[in-house]
Protein backbone atom coordinates (compact mmCIF):
# COMPACT_ATOMS: atom_id res chain seq x y z
CA MET A 1 -35.63 1.56 -4.74
CA LEU A 2 -31.88 2.19 -5.05
CA PRO A 3 -30.59 5.74 -4.73
CA ARG A 4 -29.36 7.47 -7.90
CA ILE A 5 -25.59 7.39 -8.16
CA ASN A 6 -23.90 9.54 -10.75
CA PHE A 7 -20.85 8.44 -12.73
CA HIS A 8 -18.44 10.67 -10.76
CA THR A 9 -19.51 9.06 -7.46
CA LEU A 10 -19.13 5.58 -8.92
CA ARG A 11 -15.66 6.39 -10.28
CA HIS A 12 -14.62 7.92 -6.92
CA THR A 13 -15.75 4.76 -5.13
CA TRP A 14 -13.87 2.52 -7.57
CA VAL A 15 -10.61 4.50 -7.18
CA SER A 16 -10.98 4.48 -3.40
CA LEU A 17 -11.48 0.71 -3.31
CA LYS A 18 -8.52 0.08 -5.61
CA ILE A 19 -6.25 2.20 -3.44
CA GLU A 20 -7.47 0.32 -0.36
CA GLN A 21 -6.61 -2.96 -2.12
CA GLY A 22 -3.09 -1.70 -2.71
CA GLU A 23 -3.37 -1.49 -6.51
CA ASN A 24 -0.63 0.37 -8.40
CA LEU A 25 -1.38 4.10 -8.41
CA VAL A 26 -0.23 4.52 -12.05
CA TYR A 27 -2.71 1.86 -13.13
CA ILE A 28 -5.50 3.47 -11.11
CA SER A 29 -4.73 6.88 -12.58
CA GLU A 30 -4.84 5.55 -16.14
CA GLN A 31 -8.09 3.64 -15.56
CA ALA A 32 -9.75 6.63 -13.91
CA GLY A 33 -8.82 8.83 -16.87
CA HIS A 34 -6.77 11.30 -14.89
CA SER A 35 -4.24 13.31 -16.87
CA ASN A 36 -1.40 12.02 -14.69
CA VAL A 37 -0.66 10.19 -11.45
CA VAL A 38 -0.12 13.50 -9.61
CA THR A 39 -3.79 14.30 -10.10
CA THR A 40 -4.81 10.95 -8.61
CA SER A 41 -2.41 11.21 -5.69
CA SER A 42 -3.56 14.78 -4.92
CA ILE A 43 -7.27 13.87 -4.86
CA TYR A 44 -6.81 10.64 -2.92
CA ALA A 45 -3.86 11.56 -0.68
CA HIS A 46 -5.88 10.89 2.48
CA LEU A 47 -6.35 7.25 1.43
CA ILE A 48 -2.81 6.79 0.17
CA LYS A 49 -1.31 7.88 3.47
CA LYS A 50 -3.39 5.29 5.32
CA THR A 51 -2.32 2.57 2.90
CA ASN A 52 1.35 3.58 3.18
CA TYR A 53 1.10 3.52 6.97
CA GLU A 54 -0.32 0.00 6.94
CA SER A 55 2.38 -1.08 4.48
CA ALA A 56 5.11 0.40 6.67
CA CYS A 57 3.70 -1.40 9.68
CA GLY A 58 3.72 -4.69 7.77
CA LEU A 59 7.32 -4.12 6.76
CA GLU A 60 8.25 -3.32 10.32
CA GLU A 61 6.61 -6.55 11.53
CA MET A 62 8.43 -8.52 8.84
CA ILE A 63 11.85 -7.11 9.73
CA PHE A 64 11.71 -6.71 13.49
CA GLU A 65 10.82 -9.06 16.27
CA LYS A 66 10.31 -8.42 19.98
CA ASN A 67 13.99 -8.81 20.78
CA GLY A 68 15.51 -6.86 17.90
CA SER A 69 15.92 -7.41 14.21
CA LYS A 70 15.43 -10.81 12.63
CA PRO A 71 18.99 -10.94 11.24
CA VAL A 72 20.40 -10.41 14.74
CA ALA A 73 18.03 -12.97 16.23
CA GLU A 74 18.89 -15.48 13.50
CA ASN A 75 22.60 -14.85 13.98
CA GLU A 76 22.29 -15.65 17.69
CA LYS A 77 20.69 -18.95 16.70
CA GLY A 78 23.69 -19.73 14.49
CA LEU A 79 21.94 -19.07 11.18
CA THR A 80 23.34 -17.12 8.27
CA VAL A 81 22.52 -13.41 8.49
CA ASN A 82 22.70 -12.78 4.73
CA SER A 83 19.97 -14.99 3.33
CA VAL A 84 20.23 -13.46 -0.16
CA ASN A 85 23.80 -14.68 -0.74
CA PRO A 86 24.36 -17.60 1.63
């Protein structure tokens, strides 16, 4: 027999999973029926911080390599530093 789960618990689980997936917080707030995104971010701040930390680490890995920044490393290899406007 499955345990009884009330609607609030189910909604909390859904919001937590969406945050973990990196879904847009405004979308989550609207779908959860919160009055505004501040309510959502206040209740789930502990999860958002973890997600932001992982995102920041990913950005750091994308930008930096072992021997400095990628643009510097690419420049030493003779490649163009500004890849947006070559």
